[in-house]
C-alpha atoms as a PDB file:
ATOM      1  CA  MET A   1     -18.871   6.798   9.583  1.00  0.00           C
ATOM      2  CA  SER A   2     -21.557   5.120   7.701  1.00  0.00           C
ATOM      3  CA  LEU A   3     -21.210   3.189   4.533  1.00  0.00           C
ATOM      4  CA  LEU A   4     -23.429   5.957   2.998  1.00  0.00           C
ATOM      5  CA  GLU A   5     -20.998   8.535   4.056  1.00  0.00           C
ATOM      6  CA  PHE A   6     -18.060   6.533   2.941  1.00  0.00           C
ATOM      7  CA  GLN A   7     -19.568   6.037  -0.628  1.00  0.00           C
ATOM      8  CA  LYS A   8     -19.964   9.876  -0.722  1.00  0.00           C
ATOM      9  CA  ARG A   9     -16.245  10.193  -0.092  1.00  0.00           C
ATOM     10  CA  ILE A  10     -15.262   7.792  -2.913  1.00  0.00           C
ATOM     11  CA  GLY A  11     -17.685   9.381  -5.244  1.00  0.00           C
ATOM     12  CA  TYR A  12     -19.635   6.242  -6.066  1.00  0.00           C
ATOM     13  CA  THR A  13     -23.048   4.613  -4.768  1.00  0.00           C
ATOM     14  CA  PHE A  14     -23.143   1.055  -4.964  1.00  0.00           C
ATOM     15  CA  GLN A  15     -26.138  -0.810  -6.406  1.00  0.00           C
ATOM     16  CA  ASP A  16     -25.222  -3.887  -4.339  1.00  0.00           C
ATOM     17  CA  GLU A  17     -23.754  -2.762  -1.041  1.00  0.00           C
ATOM     18  CA  THR A  18     -22.466  -6.290  -0.294  1.00  0.00           C
ATOM     19  CA  TRP A  19     -19.465  -5.703  -2.621  1.00  0.00           C
ATOM     20  CA  LEU A  20     -18.448  -2.826  -0.488  1.00  0.00           C
ATOM     21  CA  VAL A  21     -18.944  -4.945   2.701  1.00  0.00           C
ATOM     22  CA  ARG A  22     -16.701  -7.487   1.166  1.00  0.00           C
ATOM     23  CA  ALA A  23     -14.228  -4.887   0.094  1.00  0.00           C
ATOM     24  CA  LEU A  24     -13.957  -3.821   3.624  1.00  0.00           C
ATOM     25  CA  THR A  25     -13.450  -7.192   5.261  1.00  0.00           C
ATOM     26  CA  HIS A  26      -9.992  -8.174   6.261  1.00  0.00           C
ATOM     27  CA  LYS A  27      -9.160 -11.844   6.162  1.00  0.00           C
ATOM     28  CA  SER A  28      -8.626 -12.003   9.912  1.00  0.00           C
ATOM     29  CA  PHE A  29     -12.421 -10.936  10.384  1.00  0.00           C
ATOM     30  CA  MET A  30     -13.232 -13.946   8.392  1.00  0.00           C
ATOM     31  CA  ASN A  31     -10.997 -16.219  10.176  1.00  0.00           C
ATOM     32  CA  GLU A  32     -12.337 -15.107  13.493  1.00  0.00           C
ATOM     33  CA  SER A  33     -15.896 -15.524  12.357  1.00  0.00           C
ATOM     34  CA  SER A  34     -16.427 -19.299  13.033  1.00  0.00           C
ATOM     35  CA  GLY A  35     -17.497 -19.765   9.445  1.00  0.00           C
ATOM     36  CA  LYS A  36     -20.254 -17.164   9.415  1.00  0.00           C
ATOM     37  CA  VAL A  37     -18.314 -14.831   6.998  1.00  0.00           C
ATOM     38  CA  LYS A  38     -17.641 -16.556   3.741  1.00  0.00           C
ATOM     39  CA  ASN A  39     -15.577 -14.073   2.004  1.00  0.00           C
ATOM     40  CA  ASP A  40     -12.853 -11.569   2.547  1.00  0.00           C
ATOM     41  CA  ASN A  41     -11.409  -8.915   0.182  1.00  0.00           C
ATOM     42  CA  GLN A  42      -8.288 -10.754  -1.108  1.00  0.00           C
ATOM     43  CA  VAL A  43      -9.832 -11.556  -4.546  1.00  0.00           C
ATOM     44  CA  LEU A  44     -11.153  -8.090  -4.782  1.00  0.00           C
ATOM     45  CA  GLU A  45      -7.689  -6.641  -3.971  1.00  0.00           C
ATOM     46  CA  PHE A  46      -6.330  -8.958  -6.678  1.00  0.00           C
ATOM     47  CA  LEU A  47      -8.717  -7.406  -9.288  1.00  0.00           C
ATOM     48  CA  GLY A  48      -8.509  -4.126  -8.163  1.00  0.00           C
ATOM     49  CA  ASP A  49      -4.777  -3.746  -8.433  1.00  0.00           C
ATOM     50  CA  SER A  50      -5.226  -4.399 -12.191  1.00  0.00           C
ATOM     51  CA  VAL A  51      -8.117  -2.112 -12.579  1.00  0.00           C
ATOM     52  CA  LEU A  52      -6.287   0.539 -10.732  1.00  0.00           C
ATOM     53  CA  SER A  53      -3.257   0.143 -13.011  1.00  0.00           C
ATOM     54  CA  LEU A  54      -5.424   0.330 -16.073  1.00  0.00           C
ATOM     55  CA  ALA A  55      -7.320   3.323 -14.908  1.00  0.00           C
ATOM     56  CA  ILE A  56      -4.250   5.268 -14.108  1.00  0.00           C
ATOM     57  CA  SER A  57      -2.590   4.209 -17.416  1.00  0.00           C
ATOM     58  CA  SER A  58      -5.598   5.490 -19.250  1.00  0.00           C
ATOM     59  CA  ILE A  59      -5.850   8.781 -17.249  1.00  0.00           C
ATOM     60  CA  LEU A  60      -2.083   9.644 -17.785  1.00  0.00           C
ATOM     61  CA  VAL A  61      -2.297   9.008 -21.462  1.00  0.00           C
ATOM     62  CA  GLU A  62      -5.011  11.578 -21.478  1.00  0.00           C
ATOM     63  CA  MET A  63      -3.388  14.009 -19.231  1.00  0.00           C
ATOM     64  CA  LEU A  64       0.134  13.590 -20.976  1.00  0.00           C
ATOM     65  CA  PRO A  65      -0.659  13.297 -24.733  1.00  0.00           C
ATOM     66  CA  GLY A  66       2.527  12.520 -26.771  1.00  0.00           C
ATOM     67  CA  GLU A  67       4.546  11.561 -23.684  1.00  0.00           C
ATOM     68  CA  SER A  68       6.891   8.715 -24.085  1.00  0.00           C
ATOM     69  CA  GLU A  69       6.166   5.052 -22.720  1.00  0.00           C
ATOM     70  CA  GLY A  70       9.033   5.333 -20.245  1.00  0.00           C
ATOM     71  CA  VAL A  71       7.728   8.591 -18.543  1.00  0.00           C
ATOM     72  CA  LEU A  72       4.266   7.261 -18.518  1.00  0.00           C
ATOM     73  CA  SER A  73       5.613   3.921 -16.860  1.00  0.00           C
ATOM     74  CA  LYS A  74       7.654   5.701 -14.181  1.00  0.00           C
ATOM     75  CA  THR A  75       4.788   8.144 -13.444  1.00  0.00           C
ATOM     76  CA  ARG A  76       2.246   5.310 -13.103  1.00  0.00           C
ATOM     77  CA  ALA A  77       4.724   3.488 -10.933  1.00  0.00           C
ATOM     78  CA  SER A  78       4.869   6.311  -8.518  1.00  0.00           C
ATOM     79  CA  VAL A  79       1.123   6.560  -8.405  1.00  0.00           C
ATOM     80  CA  VAL A  80       0.049   3.017  -7.808  1.00  0.00           C
ATOM     81  CA  LYS A  81       2.735   2.060  -5.364  1.00  0.00           C
ATOM     82  CA  ASP A  82       1.577   1.013  -1.780  1.00  0.00           C
ATOM     83  CA  ASP A  83       2.940   4.446  -0.146  1.00  0.00           C
ATOM     84  CA  THR A  84       0.519   6.376  -2.219  1.00  0.00           C
ATOM     85  CA  LEU A  85      -2.401   3.998  -2.061  1.00  0.00           C
ATOM     86  CA  TYR A  86      -1.885   4.222   1.877  1.00  0.00           C
ATOM     87  CA  LEU A  87      -1.901   8.021   1.681  1.00  0.00           C
ATOM     88  CA  VAL A  88      -5.277   7.976  -0.416  1.00  0.00           C
ATOM     89  CA  ALA A  89      -6.773   5.140   2.039  1.00  0.00           C
ATOM     90  CA  THR A  90      -5.843   7.227   5.006  1.00  0.00           C
ATOM     91  CA  SER A  91      -7.529  10.334   3.628  1.00  0.00           C
ATOM     92  CA  LEU A  92     -10.694   8.300   3.112  1.00  0.00           C
ATOM     93  CA  GLY A  93     -10.482   6.972   6.599  1.00  0.00           C
ATOM     94  CA  ILE A  94     -10.494   3.407   5.421  1.00  0.00           C
ATOM     95  CA  GLY A  95      -8.944   2.065   8.527  1.00  0.00           C
ATOM     96  CA  ASN A  96     -11.948   2.918  10.551  1.00  0.00           C
ATOM     97  CA  GLU A  97     -14.393   1.216   8.199  1.00  0.00           C
ATOM     98  CA  LEU A  98     -12.487  -2.094   8.073  1.00  0.00           C
ATOM     99  CA  ARG A  99     -13.884  -5.341   9.497  1.00  0.00           C
ATOM    100  CA  MET A 100     -10.931  -6.672  11.152  1.00  0.00           C
ATOM    101  CA  GLY A 101     -10.235  -9.571  13.740  1.00  0.00           C
ATOM    102  CA  LYS A 102      -9.313  -8.785  17.122  1.00  0.00           C
ATOM    103  CA  GLY A 103      -5.988 -10.290  16.814  1.00  0.00           C
ATOM    104  CA  GLU A 104      -4.811  -8.290  13.824  1.00  0.00           C
ATOM    105  CA  GLU A 105      -6.407  -4.919  15.341  1.00  0.00           C
ATOM    106  CA  SER A 106      -4.368  -5.484  18.465  1.00  0.00           C
ATOM    107  CA  THR A 107      -1.177  -5.237  16.234  1.00  0.00           C
ATOM    108  CA  GLY A 108      -2.158  -2.060  14.821  1.00  0.00           C
ATOM    109  CA  GLY A 109      -3.658  -3.626  11.757  1.00  0.00           C
ATOM    110  CA  ARG A 110      -5.866  -0.343  11.075  1.00  0.00           C
ATOM    111  CA  ASN A 111      -2.805   1.676  10.339  1.00  0.00           C
ATOM    112  CA  LYS A 112      -0.549  -0.793   8.547  1.00  0.00           C
ATOM    113  CA  VAL A 113       0.422   0.358   5.144  1.00  0.00           C
ATOM    114  CA  SER A 114       0.141  -3.173   3.447  1.00  0.00           C
ATOM    115  CA  ILE A 115      -3.443  -3.390   4.663  1.00  0.00           C
ATOM    116  CA  LEU A 116      -4.800  -0.083   4.025  1.00  0.00           C
ATOM    117  CA  ALA A 117      -3.356  -0.068   0.455  1.00  0.00           C
ATOM    118  CA  ALA A 118      -4.763  -3.576  -0.187  1.00  0.00           C
ATOM    119  CA  THR A 119      -8.127  -2.453   1.100  1.00  0.00           C
ATOM    120  CA  LEU A 120      -8.174   0.650  -1.325  1.00  0.00           C
ATOM    121  CA  GLU A 121      -7.418  -1.735  -4.136  1.00  0.00           C
ATOM    122  CA  ALA A 122     -10.311  -3.976  -3.097  1.00  0.00           C
ATOM    123  CA  VAL A 123     -12.717  -1.235  -3.011  1.00  0.00           C
ATOM    124  CA  ILE A 124     -11.743  -0.240  -6.614  1.00  0.00           C
ATOM    125  CA  GLY A 125     -12.263  -3.897  -7.498  1.00  0.00           C
ATOM    126  CA  ALA A 126     -15.480  -3.790  -5.938  1.00  0.00           C
ATOM    127  CA  VAL A 127     -16.744  -0.786  -7.999  1.00  0.00           C
ATOM    128  CA  TYR A 128     -15.630  -2.392 -10.885  1.00  0.00           C
ATOM    129  CA  LEU A 129     -17.651  -5.536 -10.306  1.00  0.00           C
ATOM    130  CA  ASP A 130     -20.739  -3.446  -9.170  1.00  0.00           C
ATOM    131  CA  SER A 131     -20.774  -1.526 -12.522  1.00  0.00           C
ATOM    132  CA  SER A 132     -18.141  -1.134 -14.955  1.00  0.00           C
ATOM    133  CA  PHE A 133     -14.683  -0.267 -15.640  1.00  0.00           C
ATOM    134  CA  ASP A 134     -15.739   3.415 -16.757  1.00  0.00           C
ATOM    135  CA  ASN A 135     -17.177   4.049 -13.146  1.00  0.00           C
ATOM    136  CA  ALA A 136     -14.121   2.457 -11.490  1.00  0.00           C
ATOM    137  CA  LYS A 137     -11.816   4.799 -13.545  1.00  0.00           C
ATOM    138  CA  ARG A 138     -14.151   7.672 -12.625  1.00  0.00           C
ATOM    139  CA  VAL A 139     -13.680   6.868  -9.098  1.00  0.00           C
ATOM    140  CA  VAL A 140      -9.819   6.488  -9.237  1.00  0.00           C
ATOM    141  CA  ASN A 141      -9.621   9.964 -11.008  1.00  0.00           C
ATOM    142  CA  HIS A 142     -11.771  11.451  -8.217  1.00  0.00           C
ATOM    143  CA  LEU A 143      -9.562  10.017  -5.430  1.00  0.00           C
ATOM    144  CA  TYR A 144      -6.215  10.717  -7.208  1.00  0.00           C
ATOM    145  CA  THR A 145      -6.883  13.947  -8.649  1.00  0.00           C
ATOM    146  CA  PRO A 146      -4.475  16.041  -6.372  1.00  0.00           C
ATOM    147  CA  ILE A 147      -1.677  13.529  -6.776  1.00  0.00           C
ATOM    148  CA  LEU A 148      -2.060  13.204 -10.554  1.00  0.00           C
ATOM    149  CA  SER A 149      -2.162  16.987 -10.964  1.00  0.00           C
ATOM    150  CA  GLU A 150       1.043  17.332  -8.977  1.00  0.00           C
ATOM    151  CA  VAL A 151       3.037  14.564 -10.599  1.00  0.00           C
ATOM    152  CA  THR A 152       1.848  15.534 -14.066  1.00  0.00           C
ATOM    153  CA  ARG A 153       3.362  19.115 -13.452  1.00  0.00           C
ATOM    154  CA  GLY A 154       6.705  17.583 -12.709  1.00  0.00           C
ATOM    155  CA  GLY A 155       6.340  17.893  -8.999  1.00  0.00           C
ATOM    156  CA  SER A 156       6.108  15.175  -6.269  1.00  0.00           C
ATOM    157  CA  HIS A 157       3.051  14.227  -4.481  1.00  0.00           C
ATOM    158  CA  PRO A 158       2.754  14.435  -0.685  1.00  0.00           C
ATOM    159  CA  THR A 159       4.730  11.624   0.991  1.00  0.00           C
ATOM    160  CA  ILE A 160       4.345   9.537   4.202  1.00  0.00           C
ATOM    161  CA  LYS A 161       6.947   8.179   6.458  1.00  0.00           C
ATOM    162  CA  VAL A 162       6.682   4.472   6.122  1.00  0.00           C
ATOM    163  CA  ASP A 163       8.041   2.534   9.271  1.00  0.00           C
ATOM    164  CA  TYR A 164       9.887  -0.395   7.206  1.00  0.00           C
ATOM    165  CA  LYS A 165      11.507  -1.661  10.386  1.00  0.00           C
ATOM    166  CA  THR A 166       8.213  -2.438  11.762  1.00  0.00           C
ATOM    167  CA  GLU A 167       6.767  -3.797   8.736  1.00  0.00           C
ATOM    168  CA  LEU A 168       9.571  -6.046   8.166  1.00  0.00           C
ATOM    169  CA  GLN A 169       9.490  -7.081  12.030  1.00  0.00           C
ATOM    170  CA  GLU A 170       5.766  -8.025  11.758  1.00  0.00           C
ATOM    171  CA  TYR A 171       6.221  -9.778   8.377  1.00  0.00           C
ATOM    172  CA  VAL A 172       9.149 -11.995   9.360  1.00  0.00           C
ATOM    173  CA  GLN A 173       7.759 -12.943  12.610  1.00  0.00           C
ATOM    174  CA  ALA A 174       4.430 -14.097  10.828  1.00  0.00           C
ATOM    175  CA  GLU A 175       6.158 -15.739   8.173  1.00  0.00           C
ATOM    176  CA  PHE A 176       9.437 -17.221   9.754  1.00  0.00           C
ATOM    177  CA  LYS A 177       8.715 -16.869  13.520  1.00  0.00           C
ATOM    178  CA  MET A 178      12.028 -14.909  13.727  1.00  0.00           C
ATOM    179  CA  ALA A 179      13.077 -11.404  14.329  1.00  0.00           C
ATOM    180  CA  PRO A 180      15.478  -9.434  12.113  1.00  0.00           C
ATOM    181  CA  THR A 181      18.879  -8.061  13.300  1.00  0.00           C
ATOM    182  CA  TYR A 182      20.667  -4.921  12.107  1.00  0.00           C
ATOM    183  CA  ARG A 183      24.456  -4.227  11.989  1.00  0.00           C
ATOM    184  CA  VAL A 184      26.395  -1.195  10.903  1.00  0.00           C
ATOM    185  CA  ILE A 185      28.786  -2.366   8.232  1.00  0.00           C
ATOM    186  CA  SER A 186      30.640   0.972   7.702  1.00  0.00           C
ATOM    187  CA  GLN A 187      30.439   4.669   8.591  1.00  0.00           C
ATOM    188  CA  THR A 188      32.200   7.293   6.459  1.00  0.00           C
ATOM    189  CA  GLY A 189      32.226  11.020   6.172  1.00  0.00           C
ATOM    190  CA  SER A 190      32.567  13.757   8.747  1.00  0.00           C
ATOM    191  CA  SER A 191      29.749  14.149  11.505  1.00  0.00           C
ATOM    192  CA  GLN A 192      28.097  16.721   9.232  1.00  0.00           C
ATOM    193  CA  ASN A 193      28.350  14.622   6.023  1.00  0.00           C
ATOM    194  CA  ALA A 194      28.219  11.126   7.500  1.00  0.00           C
ATOM    195  CA  LYS A 195      27.223   7.997   5.721  1.00  0.00           C
ATOM    196  CA  PHE A 196      26.126   4.777   7.264  1.00  0.00           C
ATOM    197  CA  CYS A 197      25.837   1.355   5.689  1.00  0.00           C
ATOM    198  CA  VAL A 198      23.599  -1.227   7.535  1.00  0.00           C
ATOM    199  CA  GLN A 199      22.838  -4.672   6.698  1.00  0.00           C
ATOM    200  CA  VAL A 200      19.890  -6.538   8.214  1.00  0.00           C
ATOM    201  CA  PHE A 201      19.969 -10.407   8.942  1.00  0.00           C
ATOM    202  CA  LEU A 202      17.558 -13.066   9.493  1.00  0.00           C
ATOM    203  CA  ASP A 203      19.140 -16.224  11.014  1.00  0.00           C
ATOM    204  CA  LYS A 204      22.633 -15.013  10.162  1.00  0.00           C
ATOM    205  CA  LYS A 205      21.532 -14.439   6.412  1.00  0.00           C
ATOM    206  CA  ILE A 206      21.908 -11.068   4.930  1.00  0.00           C
ATOM    207  CA  ILE A 207      18.301 -10.082   3.777  1.00  0.00           C
ATOM    208  CA  GLY A 208      18.758  -6.354   2.895  1.00  0.00           C
ATOM    209  CA  GLU A 209      21.093  -3.420   2.919  1.00  0.00           C
ATOM    210  CA  GLY A 210      20.593   0.413   3.249  1.00  0.00           C
ATOM    211  CA  ILE A 211      22.546   3.470   3.382  1.00  0.00           C
ATOM    212  CA  GLY A 212      21.698   6.725   5.192  1.00  0.00           C
ATOM    213  CA  LYS A 213      22.893  10.002   6.581  1.00  0.00           C
ATOM    214  CA  ASN A 214      22.584   8.127  10.252  1.00  0.00           C
ATOM    215  CA  LYS A 215      22.061   4.804  11.513  1.00  0.00           C
ATOM    216  CA  LYS A 216      18.345   5.041  11.901  1.00  0.00           C
ATOM    217  CA  GLU A 217      17.878   6.049   8.402  1.00  0.00           C
ATOM    218  CA  ALA A 218      20.172   3.184   6.968  1.00  0.00           C
ATOM    219  CA  GLU A 219      18.328   0.745   9.064  1.00  0.00           C
ATOM    220  CA  GLN A 220      14.997   1.851   7.450  1.00  0.00           C
ATOM    221  CA  GLN A 221      16.537   1.590   3.963  1.00  0.00           C
ATOM    222  CA  ALA A 222      17.857  -1.850   4.869  1.00  0.00           C
ATOM    223  CA  ALA A 223      14.411  -2.973   6.091  1.00  0.00           C
ATOM    224  CA  LYS A 224      12.788  -1.660   2.865  1.00  0.00           C
ATOM    225  CA  ASP A 225      15.228  -3.448   0.655  1.00  0.00           C
ATOM    226  CA  ALA A 226      14.726  -6.653   2.723  1.00  0.00           C
ATOM    227  CA  LEU A 227      11.037  -6.258   2.398  1.00  0.00           C
ATOM    228  CA  SER A 228      11.027  -6.089  -1.229  1.00  0.00           C
ATOM    229  CA  LYS A 229      13.233  -9.143  -1.733  1.00  0.00           C
ATOM    230  CA  ILE A 230      11.480 -11.271   0.883  1.00  0.00           C
ATOM    231  CA  LYS A 231       8.052 -10.665  -0.569  1.00  0.00           C
ATOM    232  CA  LYS A 232       9.120 -11.451  -4.103  1.00  0.00           C
ATOM    233  CA  THR A 233      10.575 -14.872  -3.025  1.00  0.00           C
ATOM    234  CA  THR A 234       7.456 -15.793  -0.780  1.00  0.00           C
ATOM    235  CA  LEU A 235       4.783 -14.889  -3.267  1.00  0.00           C
END
């Protein structure tokens, strides 16, 4: 897909296309460029995260007049979380457009939830810097219309299956040079109504816990819990 086609998909044409190129540049590409590439998309991701949150807040207030702050906050949270960002990013084919280092690509970087979610935020940040908040909000509204229409009707938007175990494995290996281990702590109920409790460990320390109807589901929930806790402490 060309950059022109990508701009058609997001519903915005850049005045300065270098903003879009930067938004699609992963840090691994800059690191492997031997100094030829000076900027990656991390700052744009930081900015885009705030722009997206404000845009969604504004859109929800318009779509749900008179709704309580609690409902608006809960709805916004479901829309701006990484899983939803990943869903939108995948529909746009962002993974194929990323400028990414060979090392990161070899580990499946073009399909990682965290990378695609961050890249979409960077694109939104780039639109904001290229023009205005109004244009960024218009792009967000265009990209999120199906999801917003569903959640504001009280339904749930399409979901994806995130492999939290793989995400945790990659994260802790990169950060701590260790691998997580899982242990079933308890199993209750009949075979038709079983409930498993699993804990995940890192160097004998419990870093997460999850419950599921089978061991696999419980491990995924434990990994999700661990990711949430670890990322908070390492930010």
